[in-house]
All heavy atoms as atom14 arrays in JSON, in Angstrom:
{
  "sequence": "QNGYGKMTWLDGGVYEGNWKNGTQNGYGKMTWSDGNVYEG",
  "atom14_mask": [
    [1, 1, 1, 1, 1, 1, 1, 1, 1, 0, 0, 0, 0, 0],
    [1, 1, 1, 1, 1, 1, 1, 1, 0, 0, 0, 0, 0, 0],
    [1, 1, 1, 1, 0, 0, 0, 0, 0, 0, 0, 0, 0, 0],
    [1, 1, 1, 1, 1, 1, 1, 1, 1, 1, 1, 1, 0, 0],
    [1, 1, 1, 1, 0, 0, 0, 0, 0, 0, 0, 0, 0, 0],
    [1, 1, 1, 1, 1, 1, 1, 1, 1, 0, 0, 0, 0, 0],
    [1, 1, 1, 1, 1, 1, 1, 1, 0, 0, 0, 0, 0, 0],
    [1, 1, 1, 1, 1, 1, 1, 0, 0, 0, 0, 0, 0, 0],
    [1, 1, 1, 1, 1, 1, 1, 1, 1, 1, 1, 1, 1, 1],
    [1, 1, 1, 1, 1, 1, 1, 1, 0, 0, 0, 0, 0, 0],
    [1, 1, 1, 1, 1, 1, 1, 1, 0, 0, 0, 0, 0, 0],
    [1, 1, 1, 1, 0, 0, 0, 0, 0, 0, 0, 0, 0, 0],
    [1, 1, 1, 1, 0, 0, 0, 0, 0, 0, 0, 0, 0, 0],
    [1, 1, 1, 1, 1, 1, 1, 0, 0, 0, 0, 0, 0, 0],
    [1, 1, 1, 1, 1, 1, 1, 1, 1, 1, 1, 1, 0, 0],
    [1, 1, 1, 1, 1, 1, 1, 1, 1, 0, 0, 0, 0, 0],
    [1, 1, 1, 1, 0, 0, 0, 0, 0, 0, 0, 0, 0, 0],
    [1, 1, 1, 1, 1, 1, 1, 1, 0, 0, 0, 0, 0, 0],
    [1, 1, 1, 1, 1, 1, 1, 1, 1, 1, 1, 1, 1, 1],
    [1, 1, 1, 1, 1, 1, 1, 1, 1, 0, 0, 0, 0, 0],
    [1, 1, 1, 1, 1, 1, 1, 1, 0, 0, 0, 0, 0, 0],
    [1, 1, 1, 1, 0, 0, 0, 0, 0, 0, 0, 0, 0, 0],
    [1, 1, 1, 1, 1, 1, 1, 0, 0, 0, 0, 0, 0, 0],
    [1, 1, 1, 1, 1, 1, 1, 1, 1, 0, 0, 0, 0, 0],
    [1, 1, 1, 1, 1, 1, 1, 1, 0, 0, 0, 0, 0, 0],
    [1, 1, 1, 1, 0, 0, 0, 0, 0, 0, 0, 0, 0, 0],
    [1, 1, 1, 1, 1, 1, 1, 1, 1, 1, 1, 1, 0, 0],
    [1, 1, 1, 1, 0, 0, 0, 0, 0, 0, 0, 0, 0, 0],
    [1, 1, 1, 1, 1, 1, 1, 1, 1, 0, 0, 0, 0, 0],
    [1, 1, 1, 1, 1, 1, 1, 1, 0, 0, 0, 0, 0, 0],
    [1, 1, 1, 1, 1, 1, 1, 0, 0, 0, 0, 0, 0, 0],
    [1, 1, 1, 1, 1, 1, 1, 1, 1, 1, 1, 1, 1, 1],
    [1, 1, 1, 1, 1, 1, 0, 0, 0, 0, 0, 0, 0, 0],
    [1, 1, 1, 1, 1, 1, 1, 1, 0, 0, 0, 0, 0, 0],
    [1, 1, 1, 1, 0, 0, 0, 0, 0, 0, 0, 0, 0, 0],
    [1, 1, 1, 1, 1, 1, 1, 1, 0, 0, 0, 0, 0, 0],
    [1, 1, 1, 1, 1, 1, 1, 0, 0, 0, 0, 0, 0, 0],
    [1, 1, 1, 1, 1, 1, 1, 1, 1, 1, 1, 1, 0, 0],
    [1, 1, 1, 1, 1, 1, 1, 1, 1, 0, 0, 0, 0, 0],
    [1, 1, 1, 1, 0, 0, 0, 0, 0, 0, 0, 0, 0, 0]
  ],
  "atom14_positions": [
    [[-3.49, -10.32, -4.83], [-2.63, -10.1, -3.82], [-3.08, -10.61, -2.45], [-4.24, -10.26, -2.01], [-2.21, -8.75, -3.53], [-1.76, -8.03, -4.81], [-2.67, -7.28, -5.62], [-3.93, -7.61, -5.66], [-2.41, -6.11, -6.21], [0.0, 0.0, 0.0], [0.0, 0.0, 0.0], [0.0, 0.0, 0.0], [0.0, 0.0, 0.0], [0.0, 0.0, 0.0]],
    [[-2.15, -11.49, -1.79], [-2.49, -11.95, -0.44], [-1.24, -12.14, 0.29], [-0.3, -12.78, -0.28], [-3.29, -13.46, -0.49], [-4.7, -13.24, -0.66], [-5.44, -13.03, 0.22], [-5.21, -13.46, -1.9], [0.0, 0.0, 0.0], [0.0, 0.0, 0.0], [0.0, 0.0, 0.0], [0.0, 0.0, 0.0], [0.0, 0.0, 0.0], [0.0, 0.0, 0.0]],
    [[-1.22, -11.71, 1.48], [0.01, -11.74, 2.29], [0.74, -10.39, 2.24], [0.15, -9.43, 2.0], [0.0, 0.0, 0.0], [0.0, 0.0, 0.0], [0.0, 0.0, 0.0], [0.0, 0.0, 0.0], [0.0, 0.0, 0.0], [0.0, 0.0, 0.0], [0.0, 0.0, 0.0], [0.0, 0.0, 0.0], [0.0, 0.0, 0.0], [0.0, 0.0, 0.0]],
    [[2.04, -10.42, 2.39], [3.01, -9.31, 2.31], [3.28, -8.94, 0.94], [3.82, -9.77, 0.1], [4.15, -9.5, 3.22], [4.88, -8.14, 3.4], [4.52, -7.18, 4.37], [5.92, -7.71, 2.52], [5.22, -6.02, 4.61], [6.58, -6.62, 2.77], [6.27, -5.77, 3.72], [6.95, -4.53, 3.88], [0.0, 0.0, 0.0], [0.0, 0.0, 0.0]],
    [[3.34, -7.6, 0.56], [3.71, -7.18, -0.73], [3.72, -5.63, -0.93], [3.33, -4.98, 0.01], [0.0, 0.0, 0.0], [0.0, 0.0, 0.0], [0.0, 0.0, 0.0], [0.0, 0.0, 0.0], [0.0, 0.0, 0.0], [0.0, 0.0, 0.0], [0.0, 0.0, 0.0], [0.0, 0.0, 0.0], [0.0, 0.0, 0.0], [0.0, 0.0, 0.0]],
    [[4.29, -5.27, -1.99], [4.37, -3.82, -2.34], [3.85, -3.57, -3.72], [4.07, -4.31, -4.58], [5.82, -3.44, -2.34], [6.22, -2.06, -2.67], [7.67, -1.68, -2.54], [8.1, -0.22, -2.88], [9.51, -0.13, -2.76], [0.0, 0.0, 0.0], [0.0, 0.0, 0.0], [0.0, 0.0, 0.0], [0.0, 0.0, 0.0], [0.0, 0.0, 0.0]],
    [[3.09, -2.49, -3.84], [2.46, -2.21, -5.15], [2.72, -0.55, -5.32], [2.65, 0.29, -4.37], [0.95, -2.34, -5.18], [0.52, -1.86, -6.44], [-1.39, -2.25, -6.54], [-1.33, -3.57, -7.77], [0.0, 0.0, 0.0], [0.0, 0.0, 0.0], [0.0, 0.0, 0.0], [0.0, 0.0, 0.0], [0.0, 0.0, 0.0], [0.0, 0.0, 0.0]],
    [[3.32, -0.22, -6.5], [3.44, 1.09, -7.08], [2.43, 1.32, -8.22], [2.32, 0.74, -9.1], [4.88, 1.26, -7.41], [5.78, 0.95, -6.37], [5.17, 2.73, -7.82], [0.0, 0.0, 0.0], [0.0, 0.0, 0.0], [0.0, 0.0, 0.0], [0.0, 0.0, 0.0], [0.0, 0.0, 0.0], [0.0, 0.0, 0.0], [0.0, 0.0, 0.0]],
    [[1.61, 2.39, -7.95], [0.7, 2.89, -8.89], [1.35, 3.87, -9.96], [2.42, 4.41, -9.67], [-0.42, 3.72, -8.19], [-1.49, 2.64, -7.53], [-2.63, 2.23, -8.32], [-1.29, 2.09, -6.32], [-3.19, 1.32, -7.22], [-2.45, 1.27, -6.33], [-0.46, 2.19, -5.29], [-2.69, 0.54, -5.02], [-0.68, 1.38, -4.1], [-1.8, 0.67, -4.04]],
    [[0.72, 3.94, -11.08], [1.35, 4.87, -12.14], [1.53, 6.23, -11.78], [2.39, 6.96, -12.22], [0.42, 4.7, -13.47], [0.59, 3.33, -14.2], [-0.48, 3.4, -15.25], [1.95, 3.01, -14.54], [0.0, 0.0, 0.0], [0.0, 0.0, 0.0], [0.0, 0.0, 0.0], [0.0, 0.0, 0.0], [0.0, 0.0, 0.0], [0.0, 0.0, 0.0]],
    [[0.62, 6.69, -10.76], [0.8, 8.13, -10.43], [1.97, 8.35, -9.37], [2.08, 9.43, -8.87], [-0.69, 8.69, -9.87], [-1.04, 8.06, -8.49], [-0.16, 7.07, -7.97], [-2.04, 8.36, -8.0], [0.0, 0.0, 0.0], [0.0, 0.0, 0.0], [0.0, 0.0, 0.0], [0.0, 0.0, 0.0], [0.0, 0.0, 0.0], [0.0, 0.0, 0.0]],
    [[2.55, 7.25, -8.95], [3.64, 7.41, -8.06], [3.34, 6.9, -6.65], [4.2, 6.81, -5.71], [0.0, 0.0, 0.0], [0.0, 0.0, 0.0], [0.0, 0.0, 0.0], [0.0, 0.0, 0.0], [0.0, 0.0, 0.0], [0.0, 0.0, 0.0], [0.0, 0.0, 0.0], [0.0, 0.0, 0.0], [0.0, 0.0, 0.0], [0.0, 0.0, 0.0]],
    [[2.02, 6.6, -6.38], [1.65, 6.17, -4.96], [2.25, 4.88, -4.8], [2.39, 3.95, -5.73], [0.0, 0.0, 0.0], [0.0, 0.0, 0.0], [0.0, 0.0, 0.0], [0.0, 0.0, 0.0], [0.0, 0.0, 0.0], [0.0, 0.0, 0.0], [0.0, 0.0, 0.0], [0.0, 0.0, 0.0], [0.0, 0.0, 0.0], [0.0, 0.0, 0.0]],
    [[2.57, 4.62, -3.54], [3.28, 3.28, -3.16], [2.51, 2.73, -1.8], [2.37, 3.46, -0.85], [4.76, 3.42, -2.88], [5.36, 2.1, -2.48], [5.42, 4.0, -4.06], [0.0, 0.0, 0.0], [0.0, 0.0, 0.0], [0.0, 0.0, 0.0], [0.0, 0.0, 0.0], [0.0, 0.0, 0.0], [0.0, 0.0, 0.0], [0.0, 0.0, 0.0]],
    [[2.19, 1.49, -1.91], [1.69, 0.8, -0.63], [2.57, -0.44, -0.49], [2.81, -1.19, -1.32], [0.15, 0.31, -0.75], [-0.21, -0.58, 0.39], [-0.59, 0.13, 1.55], [-0.25, -1.86, 0.27], [-0.96, -0.65, 2.63], [-0.62, -2.65, 1.33], [-1.06, -2.08, 2.5], [-1.32, -2.84, 3.72], [0.0, 0.0, 0.0], [0.0, 0.0, 0.0]],
    [[2.99, -0.54, 0.82], [3.86, -1.68, 1.17], [3.23, -2.22, 2.56], [3.2, -1.48, 3.47], [5.21, -1.35, 1.35], [6.15, -2.47, 1.67], [7.65, -2.26, 1.51], [8.02, -1.17, 1.26], [8.51, -3.28, 1.7], [0.0, 0.0, 0.0], [0.0, 0.0, 0.0], [0.0, 0.0, 0.0], [0.0, 0.0, 0.0], [0.0, 0.0, 0.0]],
    [[2.92, -3.47, 2.41], [2.22, -4.12, 3.66], [1.55, -5.27, 3.41], [1.71, -6.01, 2.38], [0.0, 0.0, 0.0], [0.0, 0.0, 0.0], [0.0, 0.0, 0.0], [0.0, 0.0, 0.0], [0.0, 0.0, 0.0], [0.0, 0.0, 0.0], [0.0, 0.0, 0.0], [0.0, 0.0, 0.0], [0.0, 0.0, 0.0], [0.0, 0.0, 0.0]],
    [[0.44, -5.6, 4.14], [-0.31, -6.77, 4.07], [-1.5, -6.53, 3.15], [-2.25, -5.49, 3.03], [-0.8, -7.26, 5.48], [0.42, -7.75, 6.3], [1.05, -8.65, 5.91], [0.67, -7.0, 7.4], [0.0, 0.0, 0.0], [0.0, 0.0, 0.0], [0.0, 0.0, 0.0], [0.0, 0.0, 0.0], [0.0, 0.0, 0.0], [0.0, 0.0, 0.0]],
    [[-1.9, -7.6, 2.45], [-2.99, -7.69, 1.52], [-3.85, -8.9, 1.85], [-3.37, -9.87, 2.22], [-2.46, -7.77, 0.02], [-1.59, -6.73, -0.45], [-0.3, -6.53, -0.08], [-1.98, -5.71, -1.28], [0.26, -5.46, -0.72], [-0.88, -4.86, -1.43], [-3.16, -5.33, -1.86], [-0.83, -3.68, -2.27], [-3.29, -4.23, -2.67], [-2.12, -3.37, -2.86]],
    [[-5.1, -8.78, 1.59], [-6.01, -9.83, 1.62], [-6.99, -9.71, 0.42], [-7.7, -8.65, 0.27], [-6.85, -9.93, 2.9], [-7.74, -11.06, 3.05], [-8.33, -11.1, 4.43], [-9.31, -12.28, 4.59], [-9.94, -12.3, 5.83], [0.0, 0.0, 0.0], [0.0, 0.0, 0.0], [0.0, 0.0, 0.0], [0.0, 0.0, 0.0], [0.0, 0.0, 0.0]],
    [[-7.07, -10.71, -0.46], [-8.16, -10.65, -1.46], [-7.89, -9.46, -2.47], [-8.92, -8.9, -2.92], [-9.53, -10.89, -1.09], [-9.73, -12.22, -0.41], [-9.19, -13.23, -0.74], [-10.51, -12.16, 0.65], [0.0, 0.0, 0.0], [0.0, 0.0, 0.0], [0.0, 0.0, 0.0], [0.0, 0.0, 0.0], [0.0, 0.0, 0.0], [0.0, 0.0, 0.0]],
    [[-6.63, -9.02, -2.62], [-6.45, -7.97, -3.51], [-6.52, -6.53, -3.01], [-6.49, -5.56, -3.68], [0.0, 0.0, 0.0], [0.0, 0.0, 0.0], [0.0, 0.0, 0.0], [0.0, 0.0, 0.0], [0.0, 0.0, 0.0], [0.0, 0.0, 0.0], [0.0, 0.0, 0.0], [0.0, 0.0, 0.0], [0.0, 0.0, 0.0], [0.0, 0.0, 0.0]],
    [[-6.95, -6.39, -1.68], [-6.87, -5.04, -1.06], [-6.04, -4.9, 0.14], [-5.71, -5.93, 0.77], [-8.35, -4.73, -0.63], [-8.82, -5.7, 0.41], [-9.45, -4.82, -1.76], [0.0, 0.0, 0.0], [0.0, 0.0, 0.0], [0.0, 0.0, 0.0], [0.0, 0.0, 0.0], [0.0, 0.0, 0.0], [0.0, 0.0, 0.0], [0.0, 0.0, 0.0]],
    [[-5.71, -3.78, 0.55], [-4.92, -3.55, 1.72], [-5.68, -4.03, 2.88], [-6.77, -3.61, 3.15], [-4.47, -2.05, 1.84], [-3.74, -1.36, 0.74], [-4.55, -0.72, -0.13], [-5.7, -1.08, -0.49], [-4.08, 0.51, -0.64], [0.0, 0.0, 0.0], [0.0, 0.0, 0.0], [0.0, 0.0, 0.0], [0.0, 0.0, 0.0], [0.0, 0.0, 0.0]],
    [[-5.03, -4.93, 3.76], [-5.75, -5.45, 4.8], [-4.58, -5.88, 5.74], [-3.82, -6.68, 5.65], [-6.49, -6.71, 4.47], [-7.78, -6.9, 5.19], [-8.72, -6.09, 5.2], [-7.72, -8.02, 6.06], [0.0, 0.0, 0.0], [0.0, 0.0, 0.0], [0.0, 0.0, 0.0], [0.0, 0.0, 0.0], [0.0, 0.0, 0.0], [0.0, 0.0, 0.0]],
    [[-4.72, -5.3, 7.08], [-3.73, -5.59, 8.07], [-2.88, -4.39, 8.18], [-3.4, -3.22, 8.0], [0.0, 0.0, 0.0], [0.0, 0.0, 0.0], [0.0, 0.0, 0.0], [0.0, 0.0, 0.0], [0.0, 0.0, 0.0], [0.0, 0.0, 0.0], [0.0, 0.0, 0.0], [0.0, 0.0, 0.0], [0.0, 0.0, 0.0], [0.0, 0.0, 0.0]],
    [[-1.58, -4.57, 8.53], [-0.67, -3.28, 8.67], [0.0, -2.97, 7.4], [0.6, -3.92, 6.7], [0.32, -3.74, 9.82], [1.17, -2.51, 10.32], [0.58, -1.62, 11.26], [2.3, -2.24, 9.74], [1.31, -0.51, 11.65], [2.92, -1.02, 10.14], [2.48, -0.19, 11.1], [3.2, 0.89, 11.51], [0.0, 0.0, 0.0], [0.0, 0.0, 0.0]],
    [[0.14, -1.72, 7.17], [0.86, -1.31, 6.01], [1.04, 0.17, 5.89], [0.55, 0.91, 6.8], [0.0, 0.0, 0.0], [0.0, 0.0, 0.0], [0.0, 0.0, 0.0], [0.0, 0.0, 0.0], [0.0, 0.0, 0.0], [0.0, 0.0, 0.0], [0.0, 0.0, 0.0], [0.0, 0.0, 0.0], [0.0, 0.0, 0.0], [0.0, 0.0, 0.0]],
    [[1.83, 0.66, 5.0], [2.13, 2.03, 4.83], [1.86, 2.46, 3.4], [2.29, 1.77, 2.42], [3.67, 2.23, 5.03], [4.21, 3.7, 4.85], [5.59, 3.71, 5.17], [6.14, 5.36, 5.0], [7.52, 5.33, 5.34], [0.0, 0.0, 0.0], [0.0, 0.0, 0.0], [0.0, 0.0, 0.0], [0.0, 0.0, 0.0], [0.0, 0.0, 0.0]],
    [[1.15, 3.49, 3.33], [0.67, 4.12, 1.85], [1.36, 5.47, 1.89], [1.14, 6.32, 2.7], [-0.73, 4.09, 1.85], [-1.24, 4.82, 0.56], [-1.07, 3.61, -0.83], [-1.5, 4.77, -2.21], [0.0, 0.0, 0.0], [0.0, 0.0, 0.0], [0.0, 0.0, 0.0], [0.0, 0.0, 0.0], [0.0, 0.0, 0.0], [0.0, 0.0, 0.0]],
    [[2.03, 5.78, 0.74], [2.54, 7.0, 0.39], [1.89, 7.4, -0.86], [2.07, 6.79, -2.01], [4.13, 7.02, 0.32], [4.71, 6.48, 1.36], [4.59, 8.34, 0.03], [0.0, 0.0, 0.0], [0.0, 0.0, 0.0], [0.0, 0.0, 0.0], [0.0, 0.0, 0.0], [0.0, 0.0, 0.0], [0.0, 0.0, 0.0], [0.0, 0.0, 0.0]],
    [[1.15, 8.49, -0.87], [0.37, 9.0, -1.98], [1.44, 9.97, -2.82], [2.38, 10.53, -2.25], [-0.85, 9.8, -1.57], [-1.98, 8.91, -1.28], [-2.92, 8.4, -2.07], [-2.22, 8.37, 0.11], [-3.77, 7.65, -1.31], [-3.4, 7.57, -0.07], [-1.65, 8.55, 1.35], [-3.91, 7.05, 1.1], [-2.17, 7.89, 2.44], [-3.31, 7.2, 2.42]],
    [[0.97, 10.18, -4.04], [1.98, 10.89, -4.94], [2.02, 12.38, -4.47], [2.98, 13.15, -4.73], [1.55, 10.87, -6.42], [0.12, 11.32, -6.46], [0.0, 0.0, 0.0], [0.0, 0.0, 0.0], [0.0, 0.0, 0.0], [0.0, 0.0, 0.0], [0.0, 0.0, 0.0], [0.0, 0.0, 0.0], [0.0, 0.0, 0.0], [0.0, 0.0, 0.0]],
    [[1.05, 12.89, -3.7], [1.1, 14.19, -3.29], [1.95, 14.45, -1.93], [1.96, 15.54, -1.34], [-0.33, 14.81, -2.98], [-1.07, 13.99, -1.99], [-0.6, 13.14, -1.34], [-2.16, 14.26, -1.74], [0.0, 0.0, 0.0], [0.0, 0.0, 0.0], [0.0, 0.0, 0.0], [0.0, 0.0, 0.0], [0.0, 0.0, 0.0], [0.0, 0.0, 0.0]],
    [[2.5, 13.36, -1.47], [3.34, 13.32, -0.21], [2.62, 12.91, 1.07], [3.31, 12.87, 2.07], [0.0, 0.0, 0.0], [0.0, 0.0, 0.0], [0.0, 0.0, 0.0], [0.0, 0.0, 0.0], [0.0, 0.0, 0.0], [0.0, 0.0, 0.0], [0.0, 0.0, 0.0], [0.0, 0.0, 0.0], [0.0, 0.0, 0.0], [0.0, 0.0, 0.0]],
    [[1.44, 12.77, 1.09], [0.7, 12.26, 2.18], [1.0, 10.91, 2.48], [1.31, 10.04, 1.59], [-0.83, 12.32, 2.04], [-1.36, 13.8, 1.86], [-0.75, 14.78, 2.21], [-2.61, 13.86, 1.19], [0.0, 0.0, 0.0], [0.0, 0.0, 0.0], [0.0, 0.0, 0.0], [0.0, 0.0, 0.0], [0.0, 0.0, 0.0], [0.0, 0.0, 0.0]],
    [[1.29, 10.6, 3.83], [1.65, 9.11, 4.19], [0.84, 8.72, 5.36], [0.61, 9.4, 6.36], [3.11, 9.2, 4.68], [3.53, 7.71, 5.23], [4.05, 9.69, 3.39], [0.0, 0.0, 0.0], [0.0, 0.0, 0.0], [0.0, 0.0, 0.0], [0.0, 0.0, 0.0], [0.0, 0.0, 0.0], [0.0, 0.0, 0.0], [0.0, 0.0, 0.0]],
    [[0.29, 7.54, 5.2], [-0.41, 6.82, 6.31], [0.24, 5.53, 6.6], [0.55, 4.76, 5.75], [-1.89, 6.54, 5.81], [-2.6, 5.67, 6.92], [-3.13, 6.22, 8.01], [-2.82, 4.33, 6.71], [-3.84, 5.53, 8.95], [-3.44, 3.52, 7.62], [-3.93, 4.12, 8.74], [-4.53, 3.4, 9.71], [0.0, 0.0, 0.0], [0.0, 0.0, 0.0]],
    [[0.44, 5.29, 7.91], [1.03, 4.06, 8.34], [0.13, 3.43, 9.5], [-0.05, 4.2, 10.54], [2.43, 4.16, 8.77], [3.2, 2.97, 9.09], [4.74, 3.0, 9.28], [5.18, 4.02, 9.01], [5.23, 1.94, 9.47], [0.0, 0.0, 0.0], [0.0, 0.0, 0.0], [0.0, 0.0, 0.0], [0.0, 0.0, 0.0], [0.0, 0.0, 0.0]],
    [[-0.32, 2.28, 9.31], [-1.17, 1.78, 10.3], [-2.05, 0.54, 9.85], [-1.61, -0.11, 8.83], [0.0, 0.0, 0.0], [0.0, 0.0, 0.0], [0.0, 0.0, 0.0], [0.0, 0.0, 0.0], [0.0, 0.0, 0.0], [0.0, 0.0, 0.0], [0.0, 0.0, 0.0], [0.0, 0.0, 0.0], [0.0, 0.0, 0.0], [0.0, 0.0, 0.0]]
  ]
}
């Protein structure tokens, strides 16, 4: 993953934002399956 994209994990977690070399890098939003949300 490189650039902008969205990934949904099997446990229900979702990340939408920027990626670099397969990891979250830059600005993005992560919603974990337990309801915690980080955006930044």
